[in-house]
């Protein structure tokens, strides 16, 4: 019997293939990214989704056999099994460029505060919840992280170990 803390199991493709009703499916993950951020499902073509622990999803380019008993597989991608699914910093930095909705663009001062982990009051006329946060780098809008917008405040979701004063 393998150790559940290091075992990755591939997400079922659809609801019909799911054994655990709490477990996400590939279809639900693709729908989440499309519905919340406008990221087309084709963006993830060739990728497989894996769960390690309860609701910690990883993305892998390829298709190894399932289950896989290793420490890491691809990149951390999404947290599920909570009220609101939360994309990871890595996922937003990698795929946020494809987002067409729930994207907030920050000027230089606001971006500095955001990557330093500071929460800030900002006007936003879009949906509350998790947002792709962008800033101009090299003359183009680039995703810098995940923000949580509630009650007129953008809360930085940059993990403490990844925050920077720039």
Protein backbone atom coordinates (compact mmCIF):
# COMPACT_ATOMS: atom_id res chain seq x y z
CA UNK A 1 0.00 0.00 0.00
CA UNK A 2 1.44 3.38 -0.98
CA UNK A 3 1.69 6.52 1.13
CA UNK A 4 -1.24 8.88 0.33
CA UNK A 5 0.92 11.97 0.94
CA UNK A 6 3.13 11.20 -2.08
CA UNK A 7 0.65 9.46 -4.36
CA UNK A 8 -0.68 11.36 -7.34
CA UNK A 9 -3.83 10.05 -8.98
CA UNK A 10 -5.15 11.32 -12.29
CA UNK A 11 -8.44 13.19 -12.15
CA UNK A 12 -11.35 11.38 -13.74
CA UNK A 13 -12.36 12.88 -17.08
CA UNK A 14 -16.07 13.31 -16.30
CA UNK A 15 -18.63 12.95 -13.52
CA UNK A 16 -19.54 9.46 -14.76
CA UNK A 17 -15.95 8.28 -14.14
CA UNK A 18 -15.74 9.78 -10.63
CA UNK A 19 -15.81 7.47 -7.58
CA UNK A 20 -15.62 10.24 -4.96
CA UNK A 21 -18.33 12.92 -5.35
CA UNK A 22 -16.04 15.50 -3.66
CA UNK A 23 -13.26 14.97 -6.19
CA UNK A 24 -12.91 17.33 -9.14
CA UNK A 25 -12.99 16.05 -12.71
CA UNK A 26 -10.95 17.21 -15.68
CA UNK A 27 -14.15 18.55 -17.21
CA UNK A 28 -14.88 20.66 -14.09
CA UNK A 29 -11.32 22.03 -14.02
CA UNK A 30 -11.52 23.08 -17.66
CA UNK A 31 -14.98 24.60 -17.07
CA UNK A 32 -13.66 26.54 -14.05
CA UNK A 33 -10.84 28.14 -16.05
CA UNK A 34 -13.19 28.89 -18.97
CA UNK A 35 -16.06 30.23 -16.84
CA UNK A 36 -14.01 32.22 -14.31
CA UNK A 37 -11.15 33.51 -16.45
CA UNK A 38 -12.19 32.94 -20.06
CA UNK A 39 -9.24 30.60 -20.66
CA UNK A 40 -10.14 28.29 -23.57
CA UNK A 41 -10.10 24.57 -22.79
CA UNK A 42 -7.72 24.01 -25.72
CA UNK A 43 -5.06 25.85 -23.69
CA UNK A 44 -4.67 22.69 -21.61
CA UNK A 45 -4.57 20.23 -24.49
CA UNK A 46 -1.93 17.58 -23.86
CA UNK A 47 -1.99 18.24 -20.11
CA UNK A 48 -3.20 15.86 -17.44
CA UNK A 49 -4.51 16.85 -14.01
CA UNK A 50 -3.50 15.04 -10.84
CA UNK A 51 -4.62 15.17 -7.23
CA UNK A 52 -2.32 14.69 -4.27
CA UNK A 53 -4.00 15.01 -0.93
CA UNK A 54 -7.51 16.38 -0.69
CA UNK A 55 -8.07 18.95 -3.41
CA UNK A 56 -4.46 19.83 -4.25
CA UNK A 57 -4.32 19.65 -8.02
CA UNK A 58 -1.24 19.53 -10.20
CA UNK A 59 -0.89 19.91 -13.96
CA UNK A 60 1.49 17.76 -15.97
CA UNK A 61 2.37 17.99 -19.65
CA UNK A 62 2.04 14.36 -20.62
CA UNK A 63 0.36 11.21 -19.40
CA UNK A 64 2.24 8.90 -17.00
CA UNK A 65 0.43 5.87 -15.55
CA UNK A 66 -1.86 6.44 -12.55
CA UNK A 67 -1.26 6.35 -9.62
CA UNK A 68 2.26 7.76 -9.40
CA UNK A 69 4.15 7.65 -6.09
CA UNK A 70 6.60 10.56 -6.25
CA UNK A 71 7.25 13.90 -4.53
CA UNK A 72 6.31 16.24 -7.38
CA UNK A 73 4.60 15.98 -10.75
CA UNK A 74 4.52 19.02 -13.00
CA UNK A 75 3.29 22.20 -11.34
CA UNK A 76 0.85 23.02 -8.57
CA UNK A 77 -2.26 24.26 -10.28
CA UNK A 78 -5.49 24.59 -8.32
CA UNK A 79 -6.94 24.12 -4.84
CA UNK A 80 -10.36 22.49 -4.78
CA UNK A 81 -12.51 20.88 -2.06
CA UNK A 82 -13.21 24.27 -0.55
CA UNK A 83 -16.05 26.73 -1.11
CA UNK A 84 -14.19 28.68 -3.81
CA UNK A 85 -11.57 27.06 -6.00
CA UNK A 86 -8.25 28.90 -5.94
CA UNK A 87 -5.70 28.89 -8.76
CA UNK A 88 -2.05 28.85 -7.72
CA UNK A 89 0.45 31.60 -8.39
CA UNK A 90 2.31 29.27 -10.76
CA UNK A 91 -0.85 28.49 -12.74
CA UNK A 92 -1.78 32.14 -13.13
CA UNK A 93 1.75 33.13 -14.13
CA UNK A 94 1.83 30.34 -16.72
CA UNK A 95 -1.75 30.49 -18.09
CA UNK A 96 -3.03 33.92 -17.05
CA UNK A 97 -1.97 35.42 -20.38
CA UNK A 98 -4.90 33.50 -21.92
CA UNK A 99 -7.42 35.02 -19.48
CA UNK A 100 -10.01 37.36 -20.97
CA UNK A 101 -12.15 38.00 -17.89
CA UNK A 102 -11.67 38.61 -14.17
CA UNK A 103 -8.31 40.19 -14.90
CA UNK A 104 -7.27 43.32 -13.00
CA UNK A 105 -4.39 45.39 -14.35
CA UNK A 106 -2.28 47.30 -11.83
CA UNK A 107 -0.14 50.39 -12.30
CA UNK A 108 3.42 50.40 -11.02
CA UNK A 109 2.72 51.47 -7.43
CA UNK A 110 -0.18 49.06 -6.99
CA UNK A 111 1.84 46.21 -8.56
CA UNK A 112 4.75 46.87 -6.16
CA UNK A 113 2.37 46.71 -3.21
CA UNK A 114 0.75 43.56 -4.57
CA UNK A 115 4.00 41.56 -5.00
CA UNK A 116 5.07 42.72 -1.53
CA UNK A 117 1.93 41.02 -0.17
CA UNK A 118 0.04 44.18 0.72
CA UNK A 119 -3.74 44.39 0.54
CA UNK A 120 -5.07 47.57 -1.04
CA UNK A 121 -8.34 49.36 -1.63
CA UNK A 122 -9.03 49.51 -5.37
CA UNK A 123 -12.00 50.19 -7.59
CA UNK A 124 -13.08 47.15 -9.60
CA UNK A 125 -16.37 46.82 -11.40
CA UNK A 126 -16.03 43.08 -12.11
CA UNK A 127 -16.84 39.96 -10.12
CA UNK A 128 -15.66 39.50 -6.60
CA UNK A 129 -13.44 36.52 -5.93
CA UNK A 130 -10.11 35.35 -7.29
CA UNK A 131 -8.63 37.44 -10.09
CA UNK A 132 -5.67 37.25 -12.42
CA UNK A 133 -3.50 40.24 -11.54
CA UNK A 134 -1.42 41.75 -14.35
CA UNK A 135 1.14 44.52 -14.72
CA UNK A 136 3.04 45.90 -17.71
CA UNK A 137 6.45 44.27 -18.06
CA UNK A 138 8.53 44.87 -21.20
CA UNK A 139 5.65 46.88 -22.73
CA UNK A 140 3.06 44.09 -22.38
CA UNK A 141 0.56 43.08 -19.70
CA UNK A 142 1.94 40.04 -17.87
CA UNK A 143 0.26 37.98 -15.13
CA UNK A 144 2.03 38.48 -11.80
CA UNK A 145 -0.23 36.55 -9.45
CA UNK A 146 -3.59 35.77 -7.90
CA UNK A 147 -5.60 38.39 -6.07
CA UNK A 148 -8.77 38.04 -4.03
CA UNK A 149 -11.17 40.94 -4.51
CA UNK A 150 -13.81 41.47 -1.81
CA UNK A 151 -15.47 44.52 -0.25
CA UNK A 152 -13.51 47.02 -2.35
CA UNK A 153 -10.16 45.52 -1.45
CA UNK A 154 -7.65 43.56 -3.52
CA UNK A 155 -5.99 41.05 -1.22
CA UNK A 156 -2.64 39.78 -2.38
CA UNK A 157 -2.46 35.99 -2.52
CA UNK A 158 1.29 35.96 -3.15
CA UNK A 159 2.68 33.32 -0.76
CA UNK A 160 4.85 34.77 2.03
CA UNK A 161 8.00 33.09 0.74
CA UNK A 162 7.49 34.54 -2.75
CA UNK A 163 6.78 38.16 -1.78
CA UNK A 164 9.27 40.79 -2.89
CA UNK A 165 9.97 44.46 -2.25
CA UNK A 166 10.73 45.88 -5.69
